[in-house]
């Protein structure tokens, strides 16, 4: 089965046709800049541009940077506040004429890692954390997703955790890998106390640099880097049709 996977982010909207048997792209992905301001009307026009680029009439899976319940947007952190309570799945369905499923962007990236990447065939409790501008999370138990977790927003060090340990903080404060790695470890220990995951998978762009901070992470936590890198969001968006 082939599905058009769309990964919507605060800065870019990316898509590719995904082969659900292999998790591979069919052809090249396409990326457009996320319109500013990122209003529903402007972003839907970009979704249609992506559909037209691929001349697509099949199913569409979408990952979106918000909590999503029954296809409806419930939060808006890196997008326009006017998205809240918008029926995203129905909007894409109407605009494209395609069967559509939508889910939180980190949740779909998690689906991809669990199906085709670092969590493949892994039972028990698996926590996936996307370290970027903030800290996104996806929690699985025996391959079943518990959607819309926001574990980057737990209270930690007098603020939310992502204000202390996100990759953007490392960049903005020019932290060394050691200083940031130790911060990240403190956060991971705290989250581990709450959920006792058997495995923690670190995603986001910084997963490619895992060797630079691996030694600062408590080995008892069983932490590994994600495998699908920048493809996870698109592949996972399509995986909603599995």
Protein backbone atom coordinates (compact mmCIF):
# COMPACT_ATOMS: atom_id res chain seq x y z
CA UNK A 1 0.00 0.00 0.00
CA UNK A 2 1.19 3.52 -0.79
CA UNK A 3 0.20 6.59 1.23
CA UNK A 4 1.16 10.26 0.91
CA UNK A 5 2.75 11.16 4.23
CA UNK A 6 2.78 14.84 5.19
CA UNK A 7 4.91 16.15 8.07
CA UNK A 8 3.81 19.62 9.14
CA UNK A 9 6.23 21.62 11.27
CA UNK A 10 6.65 25.19 12.44
CA UNK A 11 9.19 25.97 9.71
CA UNK A 12 8.55 23.43 6.96
CA UNK A 13 5.83 21.23 5.46
CA UNK A 14 7.28 18.06 3.91
CA UNK A 15 5.72 15.16 2.04
CA UNK A 16 6.59 11.96 0.20
CA UNK A 17 4.82 8.89 -1.08
CA UNK A 18 5.56 6.02 1.34
CA UNK A 19 5.57 2.29 0.65
CA UNK A 20 4.00 0.87 3.81
CA UNK A 21 5.56 -2.57 3.27
CA UNK A 22 9.10 -1.22 3.52
CA UNK A 23 8.79 2.24 5.10
CA UNK A 24 10.74 3.62 2.11
CA UNK A 25 9.97 6.72 0.07
CA UNK A 26 8.79 6.21 -3.49
CA UNK A 27 10.57 9.01 -5.30
CA UNK A 28 11.85 12.18 -3.68
CA UNK A 29 10.24 14.14 -0.87
CA UNK A 30 9.01 17.70 -1.41
CA UNK A 31 9.28 20.54 1.08
CA UNK A 32 7.60 23.94 1.21
CA UNK A 33 8.17 26.57 3.88
CA UNK A 34 5.41 26.78 6.47
CA UNK A 35 3.53 30.00 5.72
CA UNK A 36 3.88 32.85 8.20
CA UNK A 37 1.61 33.45 9.95
CA UNK A 38 0.79 29.73 10.07
CA UNK A 39 -2.98 30.17 9.85
CA UNK A 40 -5.36 27.34 8.89
CA UNK A 41 -6.19 28.93 5.53
CA UNK A 42 -2.56 29.48 4.52
CA UNK A 43 -1.42 26.04 5.66
CA UNK A 44 -4.26 24.25 3.88
CA UNK A 45 -3.21 25.93 0.64
CA UNK A 46 0.27 24.45 1.15
CA UNK A 47 -1.20 20.98 1.80
CA UNK A 48 -3.01 21.25 -1.55
CA UNK A 49 0.27 22.35 -3.21
CA UNK A 50 1.92 19.20 -1.86
CA UNK A 51 -0.96 17.06 -3.12
CA UNK A 52 -0.73 18.63 -6.58
CA UNK A 53 3.06 18.22 -6.68
CA UNK A 54 2.59 14.45 -6.34
CA UNK A 55 -0.61 14.40 -8.44
CA UNK A 56 -2.05 12.40 -5.55
CA UNK A 57 -5.57 11.00 -5.15
CA UNK A 58 -4.97 8.17 -2.66
CA UNK A 59 -4.89 8.21 1.14
CA UNK A 60 -3.12 11.02 3.06
CA UNK A 61 -1.59 10.67 6.52
CA UNK A 62 -0.53 13.84 8.34
CA UNK A 63 1.59 14.60 11.39
CA UNK A 64 0.82 17.94 13.01
CA UNK A 65 2.55 19.88 15.86
CA UNK A 66 -0.34 19.79 18.33
CA UNK A 67 -2.38 17.49 20.50
CA UNK A 68 -4.98 15.90 18.21
CA UNK A 69 -8.21 14.28 19.40
CA UNK A 70 -10.65 12.75 16.90
CA UNK A 71 -8.99 14.69 14.08
CA UNK A 72 -9.37 18.03 15.87
CA UNK A 73 -6.50 20.32 16.93
CA UNK A 74 -6.42 20.97 20.68
CA UNK A 75 -3.18 22.96 21.20
CA UNK A 76 -0.98 25.40 19.29
CA UNK A 77 2.61 26.02 20.37
CA UNK A 78 4.58 26.64 17.14
CA UNK A 79 1.56 27.42 14.95
CA UNK A 80 -1.13 30.10 14.90
CA UNK A 81 -3.53 30.02 17.88
CA UNK A 82 -6.47 30.10 15.46
CA UNK A 83 -5.81 26.39 14.84
CA UNK A 84 -7.26 25.42 18.22
CA UNK A 85 -10.50 23.39 17.81
CA UNK A 86 -10.14 23.26 14.02
CA UNK A 87 -11.19 19.87 12.51
CA UNK A 88 -7.89 19.26 10.72
CA UNK A 89 -8.72 15.80 9.33
CA UNK A 90 -11.98 17.03 7.80
CA UNK A 91 -10.28 20.15 6.43
CA UNK A 92 -7.65 18.11 4.58
CA UNK A 93 -10.31 15.67 3.38
CA UNK A 94 -12.41 18.51 1.95
CA UNK A 95 -9.47 20.35 0.40
CA UNK A 96 -7.91 17.30 -1.27
CA UNK A 97 -10.79 14.86 -1.74
CA UNK A 98 -8.59 12.18 -0.13
CA UNK A 99 -9.14 9.81 2.78
CA UNK A 100 -7.19 11.44 5.61
CA UNK A 101 -5.86 10.55 9.06
CA UNK A 102 -4.05 13.00 11.35
CA UNK A 103 -2.07 12.67 14.56
CA UNK A 104 0.45 14.55 16.68
CA UNK A 105 3.79 14.91 14.87
CA UNK A 106 5.92 13.18 17.51
CA UNK A 107 3.36 10.38 17.86
CA UNK A 108 3.61 9.64 14.13
CA UNK A 109 7.41 9.78 14.23
CA UNK A 110 7.12 7.26 17.04
CA UNK A 111 4.94 5.00 14.90
CA UNK A 112 7.67 4.99 12.27
CA UNK A 113 10.44 4.17 14.74
CA UNK A 114 8.38 1.37 16.28
CA UNK A 115 7.48 -0.15 12.91
CA UNK A 116 10.64 0.35 10.87
CA UNK A 117 13.32 1.85 13.14
CA UNK A 118 14.95 1.61 16.56
CA UNK A 119 11.83 0.25 18.30
CA UNK A 120 11.04 -2.43 15.71
CA UNK A 121 9.49 -5.52 17.30
CA UNK A 122 10.21 -4.12 20.78
CA UNK A 123 7.67 -5.05 23.45
CA UNK A 124 7.24 -3.52 26.89
CA UNK A 125 7.18 0.23 27.46
CA UNK A 126 9.09 2.41 25.00
CA UNK A 127 9.43 6.17 25.34
CA UNK A 128 10.43 8.21 22.30
CA UNK A 129 11.64 11.78 22.86
CA UNK A 130 12.18 14.28 20.04
CA UNK A 131 14.83 16.79 21.09
CA UNK A 132 14.54 19.98 19.08
CA UNK A 133 13.00 23.41 19.66
CA UNK A 134 11.18 21.73 22.53
CA UNK A 135 10.94 18.14 23.74
CA UNK A 136 8.20 16.10 22.13
CA UNK A 137 7.23 12.66 23.41
CA UNK A 138 5.54 9.47 22.25
CA UNK A 139 4.82 6.61 24.65
CA UNK A 140 4.20 3.01 23.59
CA UNK A 141 3.32 -0.15 25.50
CA UNK A 142 3.57 -3.44 23.61
CA UNK A 143 3.62 -1.44 20.35
CA UNK A 144 0.39 0.39 21.27
CA UNK A 145 0.56 4.20 21.29
CA UNK A 146 -0.73 6.28 24.20
CA UNK A 147 -1.38 9.48 22.24
CA UNK A 148 -0.77 13.15 23.00
CA UNK A 149 1.72 12.88 25.84
CA UNK A 150 3.48 16.19 26.54
CA UNK A 151 6.42 15.07 28.64
CA UNK A 152 8.53 18.05 27.61
CA UNK A 153 6.05 20.15 29.58
CA UNK A 154 6.44 18.48 32.97
CA UNK A 155 7.59 20.84 35.71
CA UNK A 156 11.35 20.58 36.16
CA UNK A 157 13.98 22.91 37.63
CA UNK A 158 11.41 25.66 38.21
CA UNK A 159 10.07 25.67 34.64
CA UNK A 160 8.91 23.18 32.03
CA UNK A 161 11.52 20.54 31.22
CA UNK A 162 12.13 21.62 27.62
CA UNK A 163 13.23 25.06 28.87
CA UNK A 164 16.12 23.23 30.58
CA UNK A 165 17.06 20.34 28.30
CA UNK A 166 15.79 20.92 24.75
CA UNK A 167 18.39 21.00 21.97
CA UNK A 168 17.45 24.63 21.28
CA UNK A 169 18.62 25.49 24.81
CA UNK A 170 21.99 23.85 24.09
CA UNK A 171 22.31 25.98 20.96
CA UNK A 172 20.98 29.24 22.38
CA UNK A 173 23.09 29.07 25.55
CA UNK A 174 26.10 27.65 23.68
CA UNK A 175 26.32 24.73 26.10
CA UNK A 176 29.07 22.13 25.74
CA UNK A 177 28.00 18.56 24.98
CA UNK A 178 29.01 17.66 28.53
CA UNK A 179 26.91 20.36 30.21
CA UNK A 180 23.91 19.70 28.00
CA UNK A 181 24.32 15.92 28.19
CA UNK A 182 24.23 16.08 31.98
CA UNK A 183 21.12 18.27 31.84
CA UNK A 184 19.47 15.83 29.49
CA UNK A 185 20.39 12.96 31.79
CA UNK A 186 18.74 14.69 34.76
CA UNK A 187 15.56 15.00 32.74
CA UNK A 188 15.71 11.39 31.54
CA UNK A 189 16.15 10.14 35.10
CA UNK A 190 13.09 12.16 36.16
CA UNK A 191 10.93 10.82 33.33
CA UNK A 192 12.17 7.29 33.97
CA UNK A 193 10.92 7.53 37.57
CA UNK A 194 7.43 8.31 36.27
CA UNK A 195 7.07 5.60 33.58
CA UNK A 196 9.88 3.04 34.03
CA UNK A 197 10.29 2.49 30.27
CA UNK A 198 12.25 -0.53 29.09
CA UNK A 199 13.75 1.56 26.30
CA UNK A 200 14.17 5.29 25.59
CA UNK A 201 14.70 6.35 21.97
CA UNK A 202 16.07 9.84 21.33
CA UNK A 203 14.94 11.48 18.08
CA UNK A 204 15.22 14.91 16.52
CA UNK A 205 18.23 16.26 14.67
CA UNK A 206 20.49 15.82 17.69
CA UNK A 207 20.02 12.03 17.53
CA UNK A 208 22.69 12.07 14.80
CA UNK A 209 25.19 13.42 17.36
CA UNK A 210 24.40 10.76 19.99
CA UNK A 211 28.07 9.73 20.37
CA UNK A 212 28.92 13.25 21.57
CA UNK A 213 26.75 13.02 24.70
CA UNK A 214 26.13 9.29 25.16
CA UNK A 215 28.71 9.00 27.95
CA UNK A 216 26.81 11.53 30.09
CA UNK A 217 23.62 9.40 30.04
CA UNK A 218 23.07 6.86 32.84
CA UNK A 219 23.61 3.48 31.18
CA UNK A 220 20.91 1.90 33.34
CA UNK A 221 18.28 3.91 31.45
CA UNK A 222 18.78 1.95 28.18
CA UNK A 223 18.87 4.98 25.86
CA UNK A 224 19.50 4.64 22.11
CA UNK A 225 19.28 7.04 19.14
CA UNK A 226 16.43 6.98 16.64
CA UNK A 227 17.20 5.40 13.27
CA UNK A 228 14.89 7.06 10.73
CA UNK A 229 16.16 10.60 11.35
CA UNK A 230 14.39 13.19 9.15
CA UNK A 231 12.23 10.56 7.43
CA UNK A 232 10.39 9.55 10.61
CA UNK A 233 7.67 12.22 10.46
CA UNK A 234 6.67 11.48 6.87
CA UNK A 235 6.89 7.70 7.20
CA UNK A 236 4.97 7.75 10.48
CA UNK A 237 2.25 9.98 9.07
CA UNK A 238 1.65 7.34 6.42
CA UNK A 239 1.80 4.55 9.04
CA UNK A 240 -1.58 5.67 10.39
CA UNK A 241 -3.08 3.54 7.59
CA UNK A 242 -1.41 0.32 8.74
